[in-house]
């Protein structure tokens, strides 16, 4: 056997082992911040059109990226801190109000309407109290996560700056590394971009719009603690088909039971028109033009993502499932045997 060949083979094995060891060490180093880094990548893809528009006006990559990042901090992060604090106070008020409410008359009225021998007052109070306790815990945890996780927040925005500024260069490098035909690489890149932007616009932005619309309706038509119920609308907006209906229908029934018939009718009509259009038509238009994710997959992805990753899982969960479906579609079109 040629000794030189043996040395060459040993050299390759040593290099390969070194690469594997370094990759493992690198993963362990960035592992505590993997969610932050993934979040910044998703934000960079979703916000790239805004960055591109800024670049046309400013003509400076660093300035455009910094303006967009500081806009995010002042328009999203700071209001989120105040929002969670305000909701915390409202939830405490809801808890105190529910504890002292006398709903015996309304409960008797419901028993007459439904012909059921059920203590509606007790069930209503128990539900509100449990919900209040959940929200008190959740809002304090969100505030603590933002203030206590400042390092993660810093990493998100710091890495977002480079992903925005050097995004095209990074994508160019990745294209040269991925061992597929150009057609497949381009197709997968398009699927990733469409999925991220579709989910970002069709899930998060639509949910926030629905929350604002719901808050206006709850405030105008005298629903107690409207901010809490608007936040529930934001969460349930992730549920396909039903979504906000699970909040505004019970809210209208509540007003009806309390004798506020005009407010109940107006809230219901307002919600059906505004939230119905936003949830069923606008969301569908956005998702159909971008991400092709199935509604069931969307539901499982959102709640599964929240279970595994917390708040970032709202987008990362359905995105992961969406990309798996995209890979399957590409495989089916390019490699699956044709009949």
Protein backbone atom coordinates (compact mmCIF):
# COMPACT_ATOMS: atom_id res chain seq x y z
CA UNK A 1 0.00 0.00 0.00
CA UNK A 2 1.25 3.47 -0.91
CA UNK A 3 2.34 5.31 2.30
CA UNK A 4 1.52 8.68 0.68
CA UNK A 5 -2.01 7.54 -0.01
CA UNK A 6 -2.38 6.47 3.62
CA UNK A 7 -1.20 9.86 4.84
CA UNK A 8 -3.61 11.59 2.48
CA UNK A 9 -6.52 9.49 3.70
CA UNK A 10 -5.57 10.08 7.34
CA UNK A 11 -5.33 13.80 6.61
CA UNK A 12 -8.85 13.83 5.18
CA UNK A 13 -10.18 11.95 8.21
CA UNK A 14 -8.47 14.39 10.59
CA UNK A 15 -9.89 17.39 8.70
CA UNK A 16 -13.38 15.83 8.64
CA UNK A 17 -13.21 15.03 12.38
CA UNK A 18 -12.01 18.58 13.09
CA UNK A 19 -14.90 20.07 11.09
CA UNK A 20 -17.45 17.90 12.92
CA UNK A 21 -15.94 18.81 16.31
CA UNK A 22 -15.89 22.53 15.47
CA UNK A 23 -19.48 22.40 14.20
CA UNK A 24 -20.57 20.73 17.45
CA UNK A 25 -18.71 23.32 19.58
CA UNK A 26 -20.15 26.15 17.46
CA UNK A 27 -23.65 24.76 17.90
CA UNK A 28 -23.20 24.55 21.68
CA UNK A 29 -21.97 28.17 21.72
CA UNK A 30 -24.92 29.60 19.74
CA UNK A 31 -27.51 27.17 21.13
CA UNK A 32 -28.74 29.53 23.92
CA UNK A 33 -29.44 32.15 21.25
CA UNK A 34 -30.80 29.97 18.43
CA UNK A 35 -34.36 31.28 18.82
CA UNK A 36 -33.12 34.89 18.82
CA UNK A 37 -31.05 34.28 15.67
CA UNK A 38 -33.89 32.48 13.93
CA UNK A 39 -36.25 35.32 14.87
CA UNK A 40 -33.89 37.89 13.37
CA UNK A 41 -33.61 35.87 10.13
CA UNK A 42 -37.41 35.69 9.84
CA UNK A 43 -37.69 39.44 10.53
CA UNK A 44 -35.02 40.19 7.92
CA UNK A 45 -36.89 38.20 5.25
CA UNK A 46 -40.27 39.68 6.19
CA UNK A 47 -39.01 43.27 6.36
CA UNK A 48 -36.69 43.20 3.35
CA UNK A 49 -39.23 44.99 1.05
CA UNK A 50 -39.39 47.86 3.60
CA UNK A 51 -35.58 47.93 3.77
CA UNK A 52 -35.38 47.97 -0.06
CA UNK A 53 -37.74 50.98 -0.21
CA UNK A 54 -35.65 52.80 2.39
CA UNK A 55 -32.51 52.04 0.37
CA UNK A 56 -34.03 53.72 -2.70
CA UNK A 57 -34.43 56.95 -0.72
CA UNK A 58 -31.38 56.89 1.56
CA UNK A 59 -28.81 55.16 -0.70
CA UNK A 60 -26.88 53.90 2.34
CA UNK A 61 -27.11 50.31 3.61
CA UNK A 62 -26.05 51.02 7.20
CA UNK A 63 -28.39 54.00 7.60
CA UNK A 64 -31.38 52.18 6.08
CA UNK A 65 -30.87 49.15 8.36
CA UNK A 66 -30.45 51.32 11.47
CA UNK A 67 -33.55 53.42 10.70
CA UNK A 68 -35.64 50.26 10.28
CA UNK A 69 -34.30 48.70 13.50
CA UNK A 70 -34.87 51.82 15.62
CA UNK A 71 -38.35 52.11 14.11
CA UNK A 72 -39.06 48.54 15.26
CA UNK A 73 -37.81 49.30 18.75
CA UNK A 74 -39.92 52.45 19.16
CA UNK A 75 -43.01 51.24 17.29
CA UNK A 76 -43.13 47.62 18.53
CA UNK A 77 -40.90 46.87 21.53
CA UNK A 78 -41.61 49.97 23.66
CA UNK A 79 -45.41 49.88 23.06
CA UNK A 80 -45.38 46.16 23.89
CA UNK A 81 -43.96 46.89 27.34
CA UNK A 82 -46.63 49.55 28.02
CA UNK A 83 -49.33 47.29 26.55
CA UNK A 84 -48.49 44.36 28.84
CA UNK A 85 -48.42 46.66 31.85
CA UNK A 86 -51.83 48.16 30.96
CA UNK A 87 -53.28 44.71 30.36
CA UNK A 88 -51.88 43.52 33.69
CA UNK A 89 -53.79 46.33 35.44
CA UNK A 90 -56.98 45.61 33.47
CA UNK A 91 -56.77 41.92 34.31
CA UNK A 92 -56.50 42.70 38.03
CA UNK A 93 -59.57 44.95 37.68
CA UNK A 94 -61.41 42.16 35.86
CA UNK A 95 -60.53 39.71 38.63
CA UNK A 96 -61.72 42.08 41.37
CA UNK A 97 -64.91 42.96 39.46
CA UNK A 98 -65.78 39.32 38.75
CA UNK A 99 -65.23 38.42 42.40
CA UNK A 100 -67.83 40.94 43.61
CA UNK A 101 -70.44 40.58 40.82
CA UNK A 102 -74.00 39.57 41.65
CA UNK A 103 -75.31 37.67 38.64
CA UNK A 104 -78.14 35.78 40.32
CA UNK A 105 -80.81 37.68 38.32
CA UNK A 106 -79.01 37.08 35.00
CA UNK A 107 -78.44 33.43 35.90
CA UNK A 108 -82.15 32.95 36.61
CA UNK A 109 -82.96 34.65 33.29
CA UNK A 110 -80.65 32.30 31.42
CA UNK A 111 -82.21 29.29 33.17
CA UNK A 112 -85.62 30.43 31.90
CA UNK A 113 -84.36 30.96 28.34
CA UNK A 114 -82.43 27.68 28.11
CA UNK A 115 -84.71 25.62 30.39
CA UNK A 116 -81.58 24.21 32.04
CA UNK A 117 -81.12 23.78 35.78
CA UNK A 118 -77.57 25.16 35.74
CA UNK A 119 -75.95 27.68 38.06
CA UNK A 120 -74.71 30.01 35.30
CA UNK A 121 -73.47 32.55 37.84
CA UNK A 122 -71.04 30.07 39.39
CA UNK A 123 -69.71 28.84 36.01
CA UNK A 124 -69.32 32.38 34.69
CA UNK A 125 -67.44 33.55 37.77
CA UNK A 126 -65.18 30.50 37.83
CA UNK A 127 -64.33 30.95 34.15
CA UNK A 128 -63.57 34.67 34.50
CA UNK A 129 -61.48 34.13 37.64
CA UNK A 130 -59.42 31.35 36.03
CA UNK A 131 -58.96 33.42 32.89
CA UNK A 132 -57.91 36.43 34.95
CA UNK A 133 -55.36 34.40 36.90
CA UNK A 134 -53.93 33.04 33.64
CA UNK A 135 -53.57 36.53 32.17
CA UNK A 136 -52.05 37.99 35.33
CA UNK A 137 -49.39 35.26 35.17
CA UNK A 138 -48.91 35.58 31.39
CA UNK A 139 -48.57 39.39 31.28
CA UNK A 140 -46.07 39.42 34.14
CA UNK A 141 -44.09 36.68 32.33
CA UNK A 142 -44.09 38.64 29.03
CA UNK A 143 -42.83 41.80 30.78
CA UNK A 144 -40.22 39.75 32.63
CA UNK A 145 -39.15 38.06 29.37
CA UNK A 146 -38.65 41.42 27.65
CA UNK A 147 -36.82 43.10 30.53
CA UNK A 148 -34.99 40.00 31.76
CA UNK A 149 -34.08 38.75 28.29
CA UNK A 150 -32.33 41.94 27.19
CA UNK A 151 -29.39 39.92 25.86
CA UNK A 152 -31.73 37.99 23.53
CA UNK A 153 -33.41 41.23 22.43
CA UNK A 154 -29.99 42.77 21.76
CA UNK A 155 -28.92 39.73 19.69
CA UNK A 156 -32.15 39.87 17.66
CA UNK A 157 -31.66 43.51 16.68
CA UNK A 158 -27.86 43.32 16.37
CA UNK A 159 -28.00 40.31 14.01
CA UNK A 160 -31.01 41.82 12.19
CA UNK A 161 -28.79 44.76 11.20
CA UNK A 162 -26.34 42.44 9.41
CA UNK A 163 -29.04 40.21 7.91
CA UNK A 164 -30.74 43.29 6.43
CA UNK A 165 -27.54 44.92 5.21
CA UNK A 166 -25.83 41.80 3.87
CA UNK A 167 -28.88 39.65 3.07
CA UNK A 168 -28.23 39.44 -0.66
CA UNK A 169 -24.58 38.52 -0.14
CA UNK A 170 -25.50 35.83 2.41
CA UNK A 171 -28.08 34.35 0.02
CA UNK A 172 -25.52 34.35 -2.80
CA UNK A 173 -23.05 32.42 -0.62
CA UNK A 174 -25.72 29.92 0.42
CA UNK A 175 -26.67 29.28 -3.21
CA UNK A 176 -23.09 28.24 -4.00
CA UNK A 177 -22.96 25.85 -1.02
CA UNK A 178 -26.31 24.06 -1.51
CA UNK A 179 -25.72 21.01 -3.78
CA UNK A 180 -28.84 21.24 -5.97
CA UNK A 181 -29.66 22.41 -9.46
CA UNK A 182 -30.22 26.16 -9.87
CA UNK A 183 -33.90 25.62 -10.66
CA UNK A 184 -34.51 23.78 -7.36
CA UNK A 185 -32.44 26.29 -5.34
CA UNK A 186 -34.43 29.18 -6.82
CA UNK A 187 -37.73 27.38 -6.19
CA UNK A 188 -36.88 26.65 -2.55
CA UNK A 189 -35.68 30.23 -1.98
CA UNK A 190 -38.99 31.52 -3.36
CA UNK A 191 -40.95 29.13 -1.13
CA UNK A 192 -39.05 30.31 1.98
CA UNK A 193 -39.57 34.00 1.18
CA UNK A 194 -43.27 33.55 0.33
CA UNK A 195 -43.89 31.46 3.45
CA UNK A 196 -42.19 33.93 5.81
CA UNK A 197 -43.85 37.02 4.32
CA UNK A 198 -47.21 35.30 3.97
CA UNK A 199 -47.22 34.12 7.58
CA UNK A 200 -45.88 37.43 8.86
CA UNK A 201 -48.56 39.44 7.04
CA UNK A 202 -51.35 36.87 7.07
CA UNK A 203 -50.87 35.75 10.66
CA UNK A 204 -49.21 38.35 12.88
CA UNK A 205 -50.20 41.60 11.16
CA UNK A 206 -53.79 40.47 10.53
CA UNK A 207 -54.05 39.27 14.15
CA UNK A 208 -52.86 42.68 15.42
CA UNK A 209 -55.32 44.49 13.10
CA UNK A 210 -58.14 42.29 14.40
CA UNK A 211 -57.09 43.00 17.98
CA UNK A 212 -57.22 46.77 17.36
CA UNK A 213 -60.60 46.52 15.60
CA UNK A 214 -61.96 44.37 18.45
CA UNK A 215 -60.64 46.79 21.09
CA UNK A 216 -62.45 49.71 19.40
CA UNK A 217 -65.70 47.72 19.32
CA UNK A 218 -65.42 46.51 22.92
CA UNK A 219 -64.58 50.03 24.10
CA UNK A 220 -67.42 51.73 22.16
CA UNK A 221 -70.08 49.21 23.19
CA UNK A 222 -69.17 49.06 26.87
CA UNK A 223 -67.47 45.69 27.31
CA UNK A 224 -65.55 45.76 30.63
CA UNK A 225 -61.71 45.57 30.37
CA UNK A 226 -61.68 45.80 26.53
CA UNK A 227 -57.88 45.46 26.33
CA UNK A 228 -57.94 41.97 27.86
CA UNK A 229 -60.62 40.75 25.45
CA UNK A 230 -58.85 42.36 22.49
CA UNK A 231 -55.71 40.42 23.44
CA UNK A 232 -57.73 37.21 23.48
CA UNK A 233 -58.92 38.10 19.97
CA UNK A 234 -55.27 38.44 18.88
CA UNK A 235 -54.49 34.96 20.20
CA UNK A 236 -57.64 33.34 18.77
CA UNK A 237 -57.07 35.07 15.43
CA UNK A 238 -54.50 32.29 14.91
CA UNK A 239 -57.39 29.78 14.85
CA UNK A 240 -58.59 29.32 11.25
CA UNK A 241 -62.27 29.94 10.41
CA UNK A 242 -63.52 30.59 13.98
CA UNK A 243 -60.94 33.00 15.43
CA UNK A 244 -62.48 36.25 16.77
CA UNK A 245 -66.00 34.76 16.62
CA UNK A 246 -65.15 32.87 19.81
CA UNK A 247 -64.86 36.24 21.59
CA UNK A 248 -67.30 38.70 20.05
CA UNK A 249 -70.30 36.30 20.07
CA UNK A 250 -70.02 35.59 23.84
CA UNK A 251 -69.34 39.32 24.40
CA UNK A 252 -72.58 40.20 22.57
CA UNK A 253 -74.49 37.57 24.57
CA UNK A 254 -73.00 39.02 27.79
CA UNK A 255 -74.31 42.50 26.90
CA UNK A 256 -77.70 41.00 26.07
CA UNK A 257 -77.88 39.23 29.43
CA UNK A 258 -76.88 42.46 31.21
CA UNK A 259 -79.85 44.21 29.57
CA UNK A 260 -77.73 46.30 27.15
CA UNK A 261 -79.67 45.16 24.08
CA UNK A 262 -78.67 48.03 21.77
CA UNK A 263 -74.97 47.64 22.61
CA UNK A 264 -75.20 43.86 22.09
CA UNK A 265 -76.75 44.21 18.62
CA UNK A 266 -74.37 46.98 17.57
CA UNK A 267 -71.29 45.07 18.78
CA UNK A 268 -72.39 41.94 16.94
CA UNK A 269 -73.08 43.78 13.66
CA UNK A 270 -69.83 45.79 13.96
CA UNK A 271 -67.80 42.63 14.61
CA UNK A 272 -69.39 40.57 11.83
CA UNK A 273 -68.68 43.32 9.27
CA UNK A 274 -65.17 44.40 10.34
CA UNK A 275 -63.67 41.26 11.88
CA UNK A 276 -65.49 38.98 9.44
CA UNK A 277 -63.99 40.81 6.46
CA UNK A 278 -60.49 40.93 7.98
CA UNK A 279 -60.45 37.30 9.13
CA UNK A 280 -62.14 35.55 6.22
CA UNK A 281 -61.36 37.69 3.18
CA UNK A 282 -58.27 39.82 3.77
CA UNK A 283 -56.29 37.01 5.47
CA UNK A 284 -57.25 34.56 2.71
CA UNK A 285 -56.17 37.00 0.00
CA UNK A 286 -52.75 37.50 1.62
CA UNK A 287 -52.08 33.81 2.31
CA UNK A 288 -53.30 32.69 -1.13
CA UNK A 289 -50.88 35.10 -2.83
CA UNK A 290 -47.90 34.04 -0.73
CA UNK A 291 -47.83 30.96 1.50
CA UNK A 292 -49.80 27.86 0.41
CA UNK A 293 -49.95 26.50 3.95
CA UNK A 294 -53.01 24.43 4.78
CA UNK A 295 -55.31 25.83 7.50
CA UNK A 296 -55.01 22.68 9.64
CA UNK A 297 -51.22 22.80 9.36
CA UNK A 298 -51.38 26.49 10.28
CA UNK A 299 -53.39 25.73 13.42
CA UNK A 300 -51.13 22.85 14.51
CA UNK A 301 -48.00 24.87 13.66
CA UNK A 302 -49.06 27.90 15.73
CA UNK A 303 -50.06 26.08 18.89
CA UNK A 304 -47.32 23.44 18.59
CA UNK A 305 -44.77 26.22 18.02
CA UNK A 306 -45.97 28.09 21.12
CA UNK A 307 -45.71 24.89 23.18
CA UNK A 308 -42.12 24.23 22.06
CA UNK A 309 -40.64 27.72 21.61
CA UNK A 310 -42.94 30.17 23.35
CA UNK A 311 -43.91 33.44 21.62
CA UNK A 312 -41.46 33.06 18.65
CA UNK A 313 -43.15 29.72 17.89
CA UNK A 314 -46.20 31.62 16.58
CA UNK A 315 -44.29 32.14 13.34
CA UNK A 316 -41.51 29.51 13.55
CA UNK A 317 -43.96 26.61 14.10
CA UNK A 318 -46.15 27.08 11.01
CA UNK A 319 -43.09 28.18 9.01
CA UNK A 320 -41.32 24.87 9.72
CA UNK A 321 -44.39 22.86 8.68
CA UNK A 322 -44.89 25.08 5.64
CA UNK A 323 -41.30 24.47 4.48
CA UNK A 324 -41.68 20.71 4.96
CA UNK A 325 -44.70 20.85 2.64
CA UNK A 326 -42.70 22.97 0.18
CA UNK A 327 -39.86 20.42 0.15
CA UNK A 328 -42.39 17.66 -0.47
CA UNK A 329 -43.94 19.59 -3.38
CA UNK A 330 -40.50 20.19 -4.92
CA UNK A 331 -39.57 16.51 -4.52
CA UNK A 332 -42.90 15.42 -6.00
CA UNK A 333 -42.49 17.69 -9.03
CA UNK A 334 -38.78 17.10 -9.65
CA UNK A 335 -37.93 13.59 -8.49
CA UNK A 336 -41.09 11.51 -7.92
CA UNK A 337 -41.69 8.84 -10.59
CA UNK A 338 -44.17 10.01 -13.21
CA UNK A 339 -46.96 7.62 -14.23
